[in-house]
Amino acid sequence: MMSTLRYSNIVKILAYLGANKNYNYVDRIANALDSSSVYEALKDSMRAYLSECVGEMEKAEEKREIEEEKEVTLEQTTLEEEKQVGKITLECPDISPEELDREVNNLIRELENLSGGELFKFTRQLALEVYAAIPRMVKSFLKSKEHAQSSK
């Protein structure tokens, strides 16, 4: 039986999406009956991650450059303000494209060799790992944000 531990970056991405209330991809993987369904869910989750996070990373870099240049802080909100609005924006996981590419390719290769029962068990295990990672991701983010605000 293959281990989901070798796919920690995929778990991080799926947990990030789930923490942002987008459980669709994890649910599709958990309910997959064949490898094609897993491939489609993974493809869609990677596309969502890239569209959210690559643009976010570029904007964050531009914002840092402006702040450094003008020695100002743009758009600061407190954690309490975000909690009141009910929208806490998690930071995207920092994952190198090379590592992600390697994990996805390894996963695809390994899924091809699983029997139906093994695939069924693996996808449920992967989904459970992701669901367990979601609260840890949120808690870690909140803790780091509270620390950053208290050190100001």
C-alpha atoms as a PDB file:
ATOM      1  CA  MET A   1       0.000   0.000   0.000  1.00  0.00           C
ATOM      2  CA  MET A   2       1.407   3.391  -0.903  1.00  0.00           C
ATOM      3  CA  SER A   3       1.776   6.033   1.764  1.00  0.00           C
ATOM      4  CA  THR A   4       0.237   9.495   1.536  1.00  0.00           C
ATOM      5  CA  LEU A   5       3.139  10.897   3.570  1.00  0.00           C
ATOM      6  CA  ARG A   6       5.187  11.328   0.393  1.00  0.00           C
ATOM      7  CA  TYR A   7       2.650  13.850  -0.879  1.00  0.00           C
ATOM      8  CA  SER A   8       2.884  16.523   1.804  1.00  0.00           C
ATOM      9  CA  ASN A   9       2.775  19.430  -0.667  1.00  0.00           C
ATOM     10  CA  ILE A  10      -0.370  18.083  -2.310  1.00  0.00           C
ATOM     11  CA  VAL A  11      -1.889  17.734   1.168  1.00  0.00           C
ATOM     12  CA  LYS A  12      -0.889  21.350   1.971  1.00  0.00           C
ATOM     13  CA  ILE A  13      -2.537  22.641  -1.195  1.00  0.00           C
ATOM     14  CA  LEU A  14      -5.736  20.688  -0.623  1.00  0.00           C
ATOM     15  CA  ALA A  15      -5.791  21.766   3.043  1.00  0.00           C
ATOM     16  CA  TYR A  16      -5.282  25.396   1.990  1.00  0.00           C
ATOM     17  CA  LEU A  17      -8.241  25.150  -0.384  1.00  0.00           C
ATOM     18  CA  GLY A  18     -10.336  23.430   2.297  1.00  0.00           C
ATOM     19  CA  ALA A  19      -9.383  26.025   4.917  1.00  0.00           C
ATOM     20  CA  ASN A  20     -10.745  28.616   2.497  1.00  0.00           C
ATOM     21  CA  LYS A  21     -14.065  26.716   2.499  1.00  0.00           C
ATOM     22  CA  ASN A  22     -13.434  24.978  -0.823  1.00  0.00           C
ATOM     23  CA  TYR A  23     -13.837  21.301   0.056  1.00  0.00           C
ATOM     24  CA  ASN A  24     -14.895  20.322  -3.467  1.00  0.00           C
ATOM     25  CA  TYR A  25     -11.504  18.932  -4.495  1.00  0.00           C
ATOM     26  CA  VAL A  26     -10.977  16.881  -1.333  1.00  0.00           C
ATOM     27  CA  ASP A  27     -14.501  15.488  -1.534  1.00  0.00           C
ATOM     28  CA  ARG A  28     -13.989  14.512  -5.170  1.00  0.00           C
ATOM     29  CA  ILE A  29     -10.746  12.701  -4.311  1.00  0.00           C
ATOM     30  CA  ALA A  30     -12.383  10.978  -1.328  1.00  0.00           C
ATOM     31  CA  ASN A  31     -15.262   9.770  -3.488  1.00  0.00           C
ATOM     32  CA  ALA A  32     -13.189   8.778  -6.536  1.00  0.00           C
ATOM     33  CA  LEU A  33     -13.860   5.312  -7.878  1.00  0.00           C
ATOM     34  CA  ASP A  34     -11.112   5.340 -10.486  1.00  0.00           C
ATOM     35  CA  SER A  35      -7.767   6.997 -11.156  1.00  0.00           C
ATOM     36  CA  SER A  36      -9.241   9.283 -13.842  1.00  0.00           C
ATOM     37  CA  SER A  37     -11.488  10.904 -11.249  1.00  0.00           C
ATOM     38  CA  VAL A  38      -8.480  11.442  -8.971  1.00  0.00           C
ATOM     39  CA  TYR A  39      -6.495  12.969 -11.856  1.00  0.00           C
ATOM     40  CA  GLU A  40      -9.314  15.387 -12.682  1.00  0.00           C
ATOM     41  CA  ALA A  41      -9.755  16.481  -9.064  1.00  0.00           C
ATOM     42  CA  LEU A  42      -5.993  16.968  -8.664  1.00  0.00           C
ATOM     43  CA  LYS A  43      -5.757  18.906 -11.934  1.00  0.00           C
ATOM     44  CA  ASP A  44      -8.602  21.189 -10.888  1.00  0.00           C
ATOM     45  CA  SER A  45      -7.161  21.709  -7.397  1.00  0.00           C
ATOM     46  CA  MET A  46      -3.728  22.582  -8.794  1.00  0.00           C
ATOM     47  CA  ARG A  47      -5.328  25.053 -11.190  1.00  0.00           C
ATOM     48  CA  ALA A  48      -7.275  26.685  -8.326  1.00  0.00           C
ATOM     49  CA  TYR A  49      -4.123  26.858  -6.191  1.00  0.00           C
ATOM     50  CA  LEU A  50      -2.103  28.413  -9.013  1.00  0.00           C
ATOM     51  CA  SER A  51      -4.767  30.958  -9.909  1.00  0.00           C
ATOM     52  CA  GLU A  52      -5.145  32.009  -6.266  1.00  0.00           C
ATOM     53  CA  CYS A  53      -1.586  31.778  -5.075  1.00  0.00           C
ATOM     54  CA  VAL A  54       0.637  32.708  -7.984  1.00  0.00           C
ATOM     55  CA  GLY A  55      -1.253  35.972  -8.445  1.00  0.00           C
ATOM     56  CA  GLU A  56      -1.279  36.524  -4.672  1.00  0.00           C
ATOM     57  CA  MET A  57       2.474  35.973  -4.440  1.00  0.00           C
ATOM     58  CA  GLU A  58       3.109  38.463  -7.244  1.00  0.00           C
ATOM     59  CA  LYS A  59       0.831  41.055  -5.588  1.00  0.00           C
ATOM     60  CA  ALA A  60       2.531  40.532  -2.221  1.00  0.00           C
ATOM     61  CA  GLU A  61       5.933  41.076  -3.813  1.00  0.00           C
ATOM     62  CA  GLU A  62       4.748  44.279  -5.538  1.00  0.00           C
ATOM     63  CA  LYS A  63       3.235  45.500  -2.245  1.00  0.00           C
ATOM     64  CA  ARG A  64       6.518  44.807  -0.391  1.00  0.00           C
ATOM     65  CA  GLU A  65       8.467  46.739  -3.014  1.00  0.00           C
ATOM     66  CA  ILE A  66       6.119  49.743  -2.740  1.00  0.00           C
ATOM     67  CA  GLU A  67       6.222  49.646   1.064  1.00  0.00           C
ATOM     68  CA  GLU A  68      10.025  49.498   1.071  1.00  0.00           C
ATOM     69  CA  GLU A  69      10.313  52.261  -1.494  1.00  0.00           C
ATOM     70  CA  LYS A  70       7.896  54.628   0.235  1.00  0.00           C
ATOM     71  CA  GLU A  71       8.509  53.361   3.769  1.00  0.00           C
ATOM     72  CA  VAL A  72       4.768  52.945   4.389  1.00  0.00           C
ATOM     73  CA  THR A  73       2.464  50.064   5.227  1.00  0.00           C
ATOM     74  CA  LEU A  74      -0.414  49.433   2.858  1.00  0.00           C
ATOM     75  CA  GLU A  75      -3.843  48.031   3.751  1.00  0.00           C
ATOM     76  CA  GLN A  76      -3.180  46.894   7.307  1.00  0.00           C
ATOM     77  CA  THR A  77      -6.116  45.175   8.991  1.00  0.00           C
ATOM     78  CA  THR A  78      -6.061  43.636  12.408  1.00  0.00           C
ATOM     79  CA  LEU A  79      -6.900  40.031  13.099  1.00  0.00           C
ATOM     80  CA  GLU A  80      -9.879  41.192  15.175  1.00  0.00           C
ATOM     81  CA  GLU A  81     -11.238  43.189  12.207  1.00  0.00           C
ATOM     82  CA  GLU A  82     -10.909  40.145   9.976  1.00  0.00           C
ATOM     83  CA  LYS A  83     -12.631  37.928  12.554  1.00  0.00           C
ATOM     84  CA  GLN A  84     -15.534  40.399  12.834  1.00  0.00           C
ATOM     85  CA  VAL A  85     -16.067  40.357   9.091  1.00  0.00           C
ATOM     86  CA  GLY A  86     -15.785  36.560   9.156  1.00  0.00           C
ATOM     87  CA  LYS A  87     -13.097  36.530   6.507  1.00  0.00           C
ATOM     88  CA  ILE A  88      -9.596  35.532   7.426  1.00  0.00           C
ATOM     89  CA  THR A  89      -7.443  35.227   4.347  1.00  0.00           C
ATOM     90  CA  LEU A  90      -4.914  32.474   4.744  1.00  0.00           C
ATOM     91  CA  GLU A  91      -1.517  32.858   3.212  1.00  0.00           C
ATOM     92  CA  CYS A  92      -0.785  30.508   0.358  1.00  0.00           C
ATOM     93  CA  PRO A  93       1.530  27.619   1.180  1.00  0.00           C
ATOM     94  CA  ASP A  94       5.071  28.278   0.022  1.00  0.00           C
ATOM     95  CA  ILE A  95       5.780  25.323  -2.256  1.00  0.00           C
ATOM     96  CA  SER A  96       8.456  25.203  -4.898  1.00  0.00           C
ATOM     97  CA  PRO A  97       7.141  24.430  -8.396  1.00  0.00           C
ATOM     98  CA  GLU A  98       9.804  21.738  -8.788  1.00  0.00           C
ATOM     99  CA  GLU A  99       8.732  19.897  -5.621  1.00  0.00           C
ATOM    100  CA  LEU A 100       5.080  20.109  -6.593  1.00  0.00           C
ATOM    101  CA  ASP A 101       5.816  18.863 -10.104  1.00  0.00           C
ATOM    102  CA  ARG A 102       7.782  15.917  -8.704  1.00  0.00           C
ATOM    103  CA  GLU A 103       5.028  14.974  -6.239  1.00  0.00           C
ATOM    104  CA  VAL A 104       2.260  15.171  -8.820  1.00  0.00           C
ATOM    105  CA  ASN A 105       4.222  13.063 -11.322  1.00  0.00           C
ATOM    106  CA  ASN A 106       5.072  10.467  -8.651  1.00  0.00           C
ATOM    107  CA  LEU A 107       1.455  10.303  -7.544  1.00  0.00           C
ATOM    108  CA  ILE A 108       0.218   9.821 -11.098  1.00  0.00           C
ATOM    109  CA  ARG A 109       2.716   7.006 -11.686  1.00  0.00           C
ATOM    110  CA  GLU A 110       1.791   5.266  -8.443  1.00  0.00           C
ATOM    111  CA  LEU A 111      -1.972   5.574  -8.978  1.00  0.00           C
ATOM    112  CA  GLU A 112      -1.630   3.697 -12.277  1.00  0.00           C
ATOM    113  CA  ASN A 113      -0.464   0.582 -10.390  1.00  0.00           C
ATOM    114  CA  LEU A 114      -3.201   0.458  -7.744  1.00  0.00           C
ATOM    115  CA  SER A 115      -6.063  -2.014  -7.844  1.00  0.00           C
ATOM    116  CA  GLY A 116      -9.588  -0.676  -7.330  1.00  0.00           C
ATOM    117  CA  GLY A 117      -9.576  -1.543  -3.634  1.00  0.00           C
ATOM    118  CA  GLU A 118      -6.145  -0.013  -3.077  1.00  0.00           C
ATOM    119  CA  LEU A 119      -7.189   3.167  -4.893  1.00  0.00           C
ATOM    120  CA  PHE A 120     -10.342   3.356  -2.782  1.00  0.00           C
ATOM    121  CA  LYS A 121      -8.335   3.025   0.439  1.00  0.00           C
ATOM    122  CA  PHE A 122      -5.600   5.453  -0.668  1.00  0.00           C
ATOM    123  CA  THR A 123      -7.994   8.242  -1.703  1.00  0.00           C
ATOM    124  CA  ARG A 124      -9.876   8.019   1.601  1.00  0.00           C
ATOM    125  CA  GLN A 125      -6.615   8.091   3.541  1.00  0.00           C
ATOM    126  CA  LEU A 126      -5.416  11.123   1.557  1.00  0.00           C
ATOM    127  CA  ALA A 127      -8.711  12.937   2.174  1.00  0.00           C
ATOM    128  CA  LEU A 128      -8.590  12.200   5.914  1.00  0.00           C
ATOM    129  CA  GLU A 129      -5.048  13.544   6.057  1.00  0.00           C
ATOM    130  CA  VAL A 130      -6.179  16.735   4.323  1.00  0.00           C
ATOM    131  CA  TYR A 131      -9.190  17.189   6.600  1.00  0.00           C
ATOM    132  CA  ALA A 132      -6.922  16.776   9.640  1.00  0.00           C
ATOM    133  CA  ALA A 133      -4.466  19.337   8.232  1.00  0.00           C
ATOM    134  CA  ILE A 134      -7.091  22.074   7.737  1.00  0.00           C
ATOM    135  CA  PRO A 135      -7.499  23.109  11.406  1.00  0.00           C
ATOM    136  CA  ARG A 136      -3.732  22.911  11.930  1.00  0.00           C
ATOM    137  CA  MET A 137      -3.211  25.238   8.964  1.00  0.00           C
ATOM    138  CA  VAL A 138      -5.773  27.746  10.250  1.00  0.00           C
ATOM    139  CA  LYS A 139      -4.404  27.613  13.797  1.00  0.00           C
ATOM    140  CA  SER A 140      -0.821  28.100  12.587  1.00  0.00           C
ATOM    141  CA  PHE A 141      -1.851  31.055  10.442  1.00  0.00           C
ATOM    142  CA  LEU A 142      -3.789  32.716  13.265  1.00  0.00           C
ATOM    143  CA  LYS A 143      -0.926  32.193  15.688  1.00  0.00           C
ATOM    144  CA  SER A 144       1.633  33.712  13.295  1.00  0.00           C
ATOM    145  CA  LYS A 145      -0.672  36.658  12.528  1.00  0.00           C
ATOM    146  CA  GLU A 146      -1.309  37.318  16.247  1.00  0.00           C
ATOM    147  CA  HIS A 147       2.441  37.130  16.891  1.00  0.00           C
ATOM    148  CA  ALA A 148       3.155  39.578  14.062  1.00  0.00           C
ATOM    149  CA  GLN A 149       0.551  42.033  15.364  1.00  0.00           C
ATOM    150  CA  SER A 150       1.730  41.795  18.952  1.00  0.00           C
ATOM    151  CA  SER A 151       5.346  42.490  17.969  1.00  0.00           C
ATOM    152  CA  LYS A 152       4.412  45.829  16.380  1.00  0.00           C
END
